[in-house]
Amino acid sequence: MSEISRSIEVNEAFLKDQFRDCSDVVIRSFMLKDETKLILVYLDGMTRLQSIEDNVLKPLIFSGLPQGMDRIQSLADMFSQEWIPLTDVKTDCTLQDLVQHILQGSLGILVDDAATALIAQVQGFETRSIQEPRKEATLRGSKEGFVENIRTNTTLIRRRIVHSHLKMESFTVGTYTQTEVVLTYLKGLADEKVLMEVRDKLNAIELEGVL
């Protein structure tokens, strides 16, 4: 198990490597007023983005980090008591645990010169509009089917396969529609030659629009 480094650059490099070719993973870094670097990591489609914006980003940008010896724990206490009306806010000391929490829909917060990460429960994935396909009814297994929204569909897969080897490569198809197409596969199981062929075919598509 790899411990979280006090160097935020080391942690950021590890996360970018773990989530390489995962277009639904968002890694946002920014500098606070006191020039402290901060990183937020979350899954697009599995988190309440408005909650992150209102209860995490704005307070941090305007108020900065809390003062104290253990800034992550102070931040966790402040979130729990004042800012985030969430069910659970905790800290993690290993990068593997952090990755697992992010894949489950939590928000990961890393601060430079802190050897722990803050985990905030901000899950908010789509559930109501996902219904069983009328023409593909099944007696066993899941009753959920894909819908028009691509992030809802990628979230549906993420909830079934909680592993960083599940990749989501994004492509844009259609000159006018600029439709996002996601190539989903499990790294290490999918044949790399087949993946390269699919990528080439997706990049070679020349259409005015995909609806």
Protein backbone atom coordinates (compact mmCIF):
# COMPACT_ATOMS: atom_id res chain seq x y z
CA MET A 1 0.00 0.00 0.00
CA SER A 2 1.44 3.40 -1.03
CA GLU A 3 1.24 6.09 1.62
CA ILE A 4 0.05 9.54 0.60
CA SER A 5 3.09 11.74 0.03
CA ARG A 6 3.55 15.23 1.45
CA SER A 7 4.43 16.25 -2.11
CA ILE A 8 1.20 17.04 -3.92
CA GLU A 9 3.00 16.64 -7.27
CA VAL A 10 3.82 13.00 -6.41
CA ASN A 11 0.19 12.31 -5.43
CA GLU A 12 -1.13 14.04 -8.54
CA ALA A 13 1.17 11.98 -10.79
CA PHE A 14 -0.01 8.75 -9.12
CA LEU A 15 -3.69 9.65 -9.58
CA LYS A 16 -3.21 10.67 -13.21
CA ASP A 17 -1.49 7.34 -13.87
CA GLN A 18 -4.25 5.36 -12.12
CA PHE A 19 -6.98 7.23 -13.98
CA ARG A 20 -5.27 7.40 -17.37
CA ASP A 21 -7.80 7.04 -20.21
CA CYS A 22 -10.67 7.71 -17.78
CA SER A 23 -12.48 10.67 -19.33
CA ASP A 24 -15.11 10.68 -16.57
CA VAL A 25 -12.53 11.30 -13.81
CA VAL A 26 -12.02 14.99 -13.01
CA ILE A 27 -8.73 16.12 -11.43
CA ARG A 28 -8.81 19.83 -10.63
CA SER A 29 -5.85 21.67 -9.13
CA PHE A 30 -5.81 25.30 -8.01
CA MET A 31 -3.91 27.69 -5.79
CA LEU A 32 -5.44 29.28 -2.69
CA LYS A 33 -4.81 32.83 -1.49
CA ASP A 34 -1.92 31.71 0.71
CA GLU A 35 -0.36 29.98 -2.36
CA THR A 36 -1.19 26.51 -1.04
CA LYS A 37 -1.87 24.05 -3.86
CA LEU A 38 -5.01 21.96 -3.60
CA ILE A 39 -6.34 19.06 -5.72
CA LEU A 40 -9.95 17.88 -6.00
CA VAL A 41 -10.63 14.47 -7.59
CA TYR A 42 -14.08 13.07 -8.39
CA LEU A 43 -16.09 11.08 -10.92
CA ASP A 44 -18.23 13.14 -13.27
CA GLY A 45 -21.75 11.70 -13.15
CA MET A 46 -21.40 10.12 -9.70
CA THR A 47 -21.07 13.26 -7.58
CA ARG A 48 -23.27 16.23 -6.75
CA LEU A 49 -21.38 18.92 -8.64
CA GLN A 50 -23.42 21.76 -7.18
CA SER A 51 -22.58 20.55 -3.69
CA ILE A 52 -18.87 20.57 -4.53
CA GLU A 53 -19.12 24.05 -6.02
CA ASP A 54 -21.12 25.60 -3.17
CA ASN A 55 -19.77 23.74 -0.14
CA VAL A 56 -16.15 23.07 -1.05
CA LEU A 57 -14.75 25.33 -3.77
CA LYS A 58 -16.32 28.65 -2.76
CA PRO A 59 -15.47 28.40 0.97
CA LEU A 60 -11.90 27.36 0.19
CA ILE A 61 -11.38 30.11 -2.38
CA PHE A 62 -12.82 32.88 -0.19
CA SER A 63 -11.81 31.66 3.29
CA GLY A 64 -8.74 29.55 2.56
CA LEU A 65 -7.54 26.56 4.56
CA PRO A 66 -8.07 26.44 8.34
CA GLN A 67 -5.03 27.09 10.49
CA GLY A 68 -3.62 24.29 12.63
CA MET A 69 -0.96 21.62 12.92
CA ASP A 70 -3.02 19.03 11.06
CA ARG A 71 -4.60 21.03 8.28
CA ILE A 72 -6.41 18.07 6.72
CA GLN A 73 -8.05 17.12 10.03
CA SER A 74 -8.91 20.77 10.67
CA LEU A 75 -10.40 20.92 7.20
CA ALA A 76 -12.39 17.74 7.87
CA ASP A 77 -13.74 19.17 11.13
CA MET A 78 -14.69 22.44 9.45
CA PHE A 79 -16.46 20.64 6.62
CA SER A 80 -18.34 18.40 9.03
CA GLN A 81 -19.43 21.19 11.35
CA GLU A 82 -19.93 24.19 9.10
CA TRP A 83 -19.77 23.71 5.36
CA ILE A 84 -20.87 20.30 4.11
CA PRO A 85 -24.15 18.75 5.27
CA LEU A 86 -22.88 15.30 4.30
CA THR A 87 -23.34 11.89 5.88
CA ASP A 88 -19.61 11.24 6.24
CA VAL A 89 -16.34 13.14 6.07
CA LYS A 90 -13.13 11.28 6.88
CA THR A 91 -9.42 11.07 6.11
CA ASP A 92 -7.32 8.46 4.29
CA CYS A 93 -3.60 7.75 4.49
CA THR A 94 -3.08 5.50 1.45
CA LEU A 95 -3.40 6.29 -2.23
CA GLN A 96 -5.10 2.95 -2.96
CA ASP A 97 -7.89 3.68 -0.46
CA LEU A 98 -8.26 7.16 -1.94
CA VAL A 99 -8.65 5.71 -5.45
CA GLN A 100 -11.27 3.24 -4.21
CA HIS A 101 -13.33 5.96 -2.52
CA ILE A 102 -13.21 8.11 -5.66
CA LEU A 103 -14.43 5.18 -7.76
CA GLN A 104 -17.35 4.80 -5.35
CA GLY A 105 -18.41 8.41 -5.95
CA SER A 106 -16.64 10.28 -3.14
CA LEU A 107 -14.75 13.54 -3.46
CA GLY A 108 -11.01 13.35 -2.72
CA ILE A 109 -9.20 16.47 -1.49
CA LEU A 110 -5.40 16.65 -1.36
CA VAL A 111 -3.42 19.53 0.15
CA ASP A 112 0.25 20.22 -0.43
CA ASP A 113 2.49 19.23 2.52
CA ALA A 114 -0.24 17.00 4.03
CA ALA A 115 0.30 13.23 4.29
CA THR A 116 -3.43 12.45 4.40
CA ALA A 117 -6.38 13.06 2.08
CA LEU A 118 -9.89 14.21 2.90
CA ILE A 119 -12.78 12.04 1.69
CA ALA A 120 -16.23 13.64 1.43
CA GLN A 121 -19.37 11.66 0.59
CA VAL A 122 -20.98 13.61 -2.25
CA GLN A 123 -22.50 10.78 -4.27
CA GLY A 124 -25.29 11.92 -6.55
CA PHE A 125 -25.71 9.57 -9.49
CA GLU A 126 -28.79 9.25 -11.71
CA THR A 127 -31.24 6.52 -10.71
CA ARG A 128 -34.82 7.55 -11.43
CA SER A 129 -34.73 7.76 -15.23
CA ILE A 130 -32.90 4.45 -15.78
CA GLN A 131 -35.46 1.83 -16.75
CA GLU A 132 -35.53 -1.72 -18.08
CA PRO A 133 -35.30 -1.81 -21.90
CA ARG A 134 -38.70 -2.77 -23.33
CA LYS A 135 -37.25 -4.88 -26.14
CA GLU A 136 -34.50 -6.50 -24.05
CA ALA A 137 -36.35 -7.79 -21.00
CA THR A 138 -34.48 -10.20 -18.76
CA LEU A 139 -35.64 -12.55 -16.04
CA ARG A 140 -32.29 -12.54 -14.25
CA GLY A 141 -29.78 -9.79 -13.60
CA SER A 142 -30.10 -6.02 -13.69
CA LYS A 143 -33.33 -4.34 -14.81
CA GLU A 144 -31.54 -1.11 -15.75
CA GLY A 145 -30.85 0.01 -19.30
CA PHE A 146 -28.92 2.79 -21.01
CA VAL A 147 -30.50 6.19 -21.63
CA GLU A 148 -29.65 9.21 -23.82
CA ASN A 149 -27.30 10.91 -21.37
CA ILE A 150 -23.77 9.52 -21.76
CA ARG A 151 -22.69 10.37 -18.19
CA THR A 152 -25.67 8.46 -16.84
CA ASN A 153 -24.55 5.48 -18.90
CA THR A 154 -20.90 5.64 -17.82
CA THR A 155 -22.06 5.95 -14.21
CA LEU A 156 -24.23 2.87 -14.62
CA ILE A 157 -21.14 0.90 -15.67
CA ARG A 158 -18.97 2.42 -12.93
CA ARG A 159 -21.44 1.33 -10.28
CA ARG A 160 -21.13 -2.27 -11.49
CA ILE A 161 -17.35 -2.35 -11.98
CA VAL A 162 -15.54 -0.43 -9.24
CA HIS A 163 -11.97 -0.66 -10.48
CA SER A 164 -9.40 1.76 -11.89
CA HIS A 165 -8.73 -0.68 -14.77
CA LEU A 166 -12.18 0.22 -16.16
CA LYS A 167 -11.29 2.79 -18.81
CA MET A 168 -13.51 5.38 -20.49
CA GLU A 169 -11.82 6.88 -23.56
CA SER A 170 -13.70 9.83 -25.03
CA PHE A 171 -14.00 10.63 -28.75
CA THR A 172 -15.87 13.37 -30.59
CA VAL A 173 -17.86 12.38 -33.68
CA GLY A 174 -19.85 14.62 -36.03
CA THR A 175 -18.69 17.85 -37.64
CA TYR A 176 -21.76 19.79 -36.47
CA THR A 177 -23.18 17.76 -33.60
CA GLN A 178 -19.81 17.16 -31.87
CA THR A 179 -21.26 14.03 -30.26
CA GLU A 180 -19.24 12.45 -27.47
CA VAL A 181 -18.56 8.73 -27.91
CA VAL A 182 -16.99 6.73 -25.09
CA LEU A 183 -14.93 3.58 -25.64
CA THR A 184 -15.25 1.48 -22.47
CA TYR A 185 -13.08 -1.52 -21.63
CA LEU A 186 -11.13 -3.27 -18.88
CA LYS A 187 -7.41 -2.71 -19.15
CA GLY A 188 -5.55 -6.00 -19.12
CA LEU A 189 -8.56 -8.00 -20.35
CA ALA A 190 -9.39 -6.25 -23.61
CA ASP A 191 -7.19 -7.14 -26.58
CA GLU A 192 -4.94 -4.15 -27.31
CA LYS A 193 -4.93 -4.84 -31.06
CA VAL A 194 -8.73 -4.75 -31.12
CA LEU A 195 -8.72 -1.52 -29.10
CA MET A 196 -6.29 0.10 -31.53
CA GLU A 197 -8.50 -0.92 -34.44
CA VAL A 198 -11.60 0.51 -32.76
CA ARG A 199 -9.78 3.76 -31.95
CA ASP A 200 -8.62 4.09 -35.57
CA LYS A 201 -12.14 3.52 -36.87
CA LEU A 202 -13.65 6.05 -34.44
CA ASN A 203 -11.04 8.66 -35.40
CA ALA A 204 -11.68 7.97 -39.10
CA ILE A 205 -15.45 8.61 -38.93
CA GLU A 206 -16.39 11.58 -41.14
CA LEU A 207 -20.01 12.51 -40.62
CA GLU A 208 -21.82 15.83 -40.34
CA GLY A 209 -23.72 14.63 -37.31
CA VAL A 210 -24.49 11.70 -35.03
CA LEU A 211 -27.90 11.75 -33.35
